[in-house]
Amino acid sequence: MNKYYQLLDEVLRNGRTQTNKKGDITYLLNKDLTLTPADLLDIFESHPIARKKLKKELELFTSGERLTERYREAGISWWDYCGPILVNSYPTYLEKLPALISRINREKRNSKNYVLFLGSTDAESNQAPCLSLVQFQIDHGRLVISAYQRSSDANLGLPADIYHLYLMARQIDLPLESITIHLGNVHIYESNKARTVQLLSGEHDVKFELNV
């Protein structure tokens, strides 16, 4: 199993059960997932990820696009439940990313912690970012990315976040050492548990349900 599948298996085997407004979940608290370039390749080769859509989604985020119609036009329909405008969501924060990446590429300071915060602005929100912080550090000429995720849907959200972090790393002119994601709460919805078992047993084309 790749490291992502190992995490899914651990949630299924050792997770606790909780009920929230979206339904029952099986969850673990405070898990770390550290991925090297080889680990990322292993995940992307063995797990179906909508790469083109996720790349376009990140481009729309970083441009500050808040209209869900623009996402739908790009074939991205999973934001439709939020309403016509993404309020206080990922575009609010990720539009700062291009300038930060330009600064990192310009400075490349080993002593500098470059940080992108994705947090509350006290504005009305229809989807608070689950990814809360991304930190870029340079260690002996290599890029080390650390991210904190307050809440992670292990089936749908986590693979997307892994790929987005990988796309961020590719924009920085340094070899990647690792990406570490600190998961405050990583969970599998009850409606997706049987499908997760199917995925881990080697079945292909497993489709997961979006819980909103």
Protein backbone atom coordinates (compact mmCIF):
# COMPACT_ATOMS: atom_id res chain seq x y z
CA MET A 1 0.00 0.00 0.00
CA ASN A 2 1.14 3.54 -0.66
CA LYS A 3 1.21 5.87 2.35
CA TYR A 4 -2.17 7.37 1.56
CA TYR A 5 -3.81 3.94 1.39
CA GLN A 6 -2.04 3.00 4.64
CA LEU A 7 -3.73 5.99 6.29
CA LEU A 8 -7.14 4.97 4.93
CA ASP A 9 -6.59 1.48 6.29
CA GLU A 10 -5.59 2.84 9.70
CA VAL A 11 -8.73 4.99 9.90
CA LEU A 12 -10.89 1.97 9.09
CA ARG A 13 -9.12 -0.30 11.59
CA ASN A 14 -8.50 2.07 14.49
CA GLY A 15 -10.88 4.99 14.04
CA ARG A 16 -13.52 6.08 16.51
CA THR A 17 -17.12 6.87 15.56
CA GLN A 18 -18.71 10.28 15.76
CA THR A 19 -21.99 11.78 14.56
CA ASN A 20 -22.15 15.28 13.13
CA LYS A 21 -24.61 17.24 10.99
CA LYS A 22 -23.24 15.60 7.82
CA GLY A 23 -23.65 12.06 9.17
CA ASP A 24 -21.59 9.42 10.96
CA ILE A 25 -17.83 9.38 10.52
CA THR A 26 -14.97 7.12 11.53
CA TYR A 27 -12.07 9.35 12.53
CA LEU A 28 -8.56 9.65 13.94
CA LEU A 29 -7.04 12.72 15.57
CA ASN A 30 -3.62 14.29 15.06
CA LYS A 31 -2.11 12.14 12.34
CA ASP A 32 0.95 13.14 10.28
CA LEU A 33 1.42 12.16 6.65
CA THR A 34 4.95 12.77 5.29
CA LEU A 35 5.44 12.25 1.57
CA THR A 36 8.67 12.27 -0.44
CA PRO A 37 8.66 12.72 -4.23
CA ALA A 38 8.74 8.91 -4.55
CA ASP A 39 5.72 8.62 -2.25
CA LEU A 40 3.83 11.21 -4.30
CA LEU A 41 4.57 9.33 -7.51
CA ASP A 42 3.38 6.11 -5.88
CA ILE A 43 0.09 7.76 -4.87
CA PHE A 44 -0.56 9.48 -8.19
CA GLU A 45 0.14 6.30 -10.15
CA SER A 46 -2.08 4.06 -8.02
CA HIS A 47 -4.93 6.41 -7.06
CA PRO A 48 -7.32 8.11 -9.53
CA ILE A 49 -7.06 11.87 -9.10
CA ALA A 50 -8.81 14.42 -11.31
CA ARG A 51 -5.52 16.14 -12.10
CA LYS A 52 -6.72 18.51 -14.81
CA LYS A 53 -9.68 19.66 -12.75
CA LEU A 54 -7.58 20.10 -9.61
CA LYS A 55 -4.95 22.05 -11.52
CA LYS A 56 -7.62 24.34 -12.95
CA GLU A 57 -9.22 24.64 -9.51
CA LEU A 58 -5.95 25.84 -7.99
CA GLU A 59 -5.53 28.33 -10.85
CA LEU A 60 -9.00 29.70 -10.16
CA PHE A 61 -8.30 29.84 -6.42
CA THR A 62 -5.07 31.77 -6.90
CA SER A 63 -6.73 34.20 -9.31
CA GLY A 64 -9.27 35.02 -6.57
CA GLU A 65 -12.22 33.64 -8.52
CA ARG A 66 -15.23 33.34 -6.20
CA LEU A 67 -18.07 32.62 -8.65
CA THR A 68 -19.01 28.94 -8.55
CA GLU A 69 -20.22 29.31 -12.14
CA ARG A 70 -16.60 29.77 -13.29
CA TYR A 71 -15.67 26.50 -11.57
CA ARG A 72 -18.62 24.71 -13.15
CA GLU A 73 -17.55 25.96 -16.57
CA ALA A 74 -14.20 24.24 -15.95
CA GLY A 75 -15.99 20.97 -15.14
CA ILE A 76 -15.66 21.47 -11.37
CA SER A 77 -19.08 20.90 -9.84
CA TRP A 78 -18.24 20.07 -6.24
CA TRP A 79 -18.59 23.72 -5.11
CA ASP A 80 -22.18 24.05 -6.35
CA TYR A 81 -23.60 23.37 -2.89
CA CYS A 82 -22.00 26.57 -1.57
CA GLY A 83 -24.23 28.85 -3.61
CA PRO A 84 -23.29 31.32 -6.36
CA ILE A 85 -20.29 32.84 -4.55
CA LEU A 86 -17.50 31.26 -2.51
CA VAL A 87 -17.48 33.57 0.52
CA ASN A 88 -14.43 33.67 2.80
CA SER A 89 -13.18 30.45 1.24
CA TYR A 90 -10.05 29.23 -0.53
CA PRO A 91 -9.85 32.09 -3.09
CA THR A 92 -9.80 34.59 -0.22
CA TYR A 93 -6.43 33.24 0.90
CA LEU A 94 -4.88 31.45 -2.06
CA GLU A 95 -4.94 34.59 -4.20
CA LYS A 96 -1.95 35.58 -2.02
CA LEU A 97 -0.02 32.48 -3.11
CA PRO A 98 1.49 33.72 -6.42
CA ALA A 99 3.17 36.68 -4.72
CA LEU A 100 4.47 34.42 -1.95
CA ILE A 101 5.90 31.93 -4.43
CA SER A 102 7.57 34.76 -6.36
CA ARG A 103 9.13 35.97 -3.12
CA ILE A 104 10.41 32.49 -2.26
CA ASN A 105 11.95 32.09 -5.71
CA ARG A 106 13.53 35.53 -5.47
CA GLU A 107 14.94 35.21 -1.95
CA LYS A 108 15.47 31.49 -1.30
CA ARG A 109 16.39 32.22 2.31
CA ASN A 110 17.25 29.18 4.41
CA SER A 111 16.50 31.09 7.60
CA LYS A 112 13.05 32.25 6.49
CA ASN A 113 9.78 30.52 7.26
CA TYR A 114 7.46 31.43 4.39
CA VAL A 115 3.88 30.93 5.55
CA LEU A 116 0.48 31.11 3.88
CA PHE A 117 -2.35 31.36 6.41
CA LEU A 118 -5.83 30.18 5.47
CA GLY A 119 -7.92 31.33 8.40
CA SER A 120 -10.87 33.34 9.55
CA THR A 121 -11.41 36.94 8.46
CA ASP A 122 -14.58 37.14 10.56
CA ALA A 123 -16.51 37.47 7.30
CA GLU A 124 -19.59 35.41 6.54
CA SER A 125 -18.47 31.99 5.36
CA ASN A 126 -20.13 29.23 3.38
CA GLN A 127 -17.05 26.97 3.36
CA ALA A 128 -14.26 27.62 5.84
CA PRO A 129 -11.01 26.21 4.41
CA CYS A 130 -10.12 22.81 5.83
CA LEU A 131 -6.48 23.47 4.93
CA SER A 132 -5.47 26.10 7.48
CA LEU A 133 -1.76 26.79 6.97
CA VAL A 134 0.99 26.03 4.48
CA GLN A 135 4.64 26.59 5.44
CA PHE A 136 7.53 26.61 2.96
CA GLN A 137 11.06 26.09 4.31
CA ILE A 138 14.41 25.65 2.60
CA ASP A 139 16.77 23.11 4.11
CA HIS A 140 20.22 22.81 2.50
CA GLY A 141 18.86 23.88 -0.86
CA ARG A 142 15.82 21.63 -0.80
CA LEU A 143 12.16 22.53 -0.33
CA VAL A 144 10.28 21.27 2.73
CA ILE A 145 6.54 21.93 2.83
CA SER A 146 4.46 21.57 5.99
CA ALA A 147 0.70 22.01 6.08
CA TYR A 148 -1.93 21.90 8.81
CA GLN A 149 -5.39 20.62 8.00
CA ARG A 150 -8.03 21.08 10.69
CA SER A 151 -10.45 18.61 9.10
CA SER A 152 -9.88 16.14 6.28
CA ASP A 153 -12.31 14.02 4.29
CA ALA A 154 -9.91 11.16 3.65
CA ASN A 155 -11.66 9.98 0.49
CA LEU A 156 -12.28 13.20 -1.43
CA GLY A 157 -10.61 16.17 0.25
CA LEU A 158 -7.25 14.70 1.22
CA PRO A 159 -6.15 13.48 -2.25
CA ALA A 160 -7.08 16.89 -3.66
CA ASP A 161 -5.07 18.69 -1.00
CA ILE A 162 -2.07 16.43 -1.55
CA TYR A 163 -2.17 17.24 -5.26
CA HIS A 164 -2.60 20.98 -4.68
CA LEU A 165 0.42 21.02 -2.36
CA TYR A 166 2.40 19.14 -5.00
CA LEU A 167 1.38 21.74 -7.61
CA MET A 168 2.52 24.50 -5.26
CA ALA A 169 5.89 22.78 -4.83
CA ARG A 170 6.35 22.55 -8.59
CA GLN A 171 6.16 26.35 -8.87
CA ILE A 172 9.19 26.78 -6.60
CA ASP A 173 12.63 26.56 -8.21
CA LEU A 174 14.04 24.09 -5.71
CA PRO A 175 14.10 20.28 -5.52
CA LEU A 176 11.37 18.95 -3.25
CA GLU A 177 12.47 17.14 -0.12
CA SER A 178 9.07 16.35 1.38
CA ILE A 179 5.50 17.41 2.02
CA THR A 180 4.12 16.80 5.52
CA ILE A 181 0.44 17.25 6.27
CA HIS A 182 -0.60 17.48 9.93
CA LEU A 183 -4.19 16.23 10.09
CA GLY A 184 -6.14 17.47 13.10
CA ASN A 185 -9.09 15.24 12.25
CA VAL A 186 -8.98 12.76 9.36
CA HIS A 187 -12.18 10.84 8.71
CA ILE A 188 -14.18 8.56 6.47
CA TYR A 189 -17.92 9.05 6.18
CA GLU A 190 -20.13 6.05 6.92
CA SER A 191 -21.56 6.31 3.41
CA ASN A 192 -18.05 5.81 1.97
CA LYS A 193 -16.68 3.07 4.26
CA ALA A 194 -17.70 0.11 2.08
CA ARG A 195 -16.28 1.88 -0.99
CA THR A 196 -13.01 2.50 0.85
CA VAL A 197 -12.74 -1.22 1.57
CA GLN A 198 -13.33 -1.87 -2.12
CA LEU A 199 -10.60 0.62 -3.04
CA LEU A 200 -8.09 -0.97 -0.68
CA SER A 201 -8.95 -4.44 -1.98
CA GLY A 202 -7.79 -3.37 -5.43
CA GLU A 203 -11.04 -2.42 -7.16
CA HIS A 204 -10.86 0.33 -9.77
CA ASP A 205 -13.28 3.15 -10.62
CA VAL A 206 -14.56 3.43 -7.04
CA LYS A 207 -16.72 6.56 -6.73
CA PHE A 208 -17.10 8.31 -3.37
CA GLU A 209 -20.08 10.29 -2.16
CA LEU A 210 -19.70 14.01 -1.42
CA ASN A 211 -21.01 14.72 2.07
CA VAL A 212 -22.13 18.31 2.61
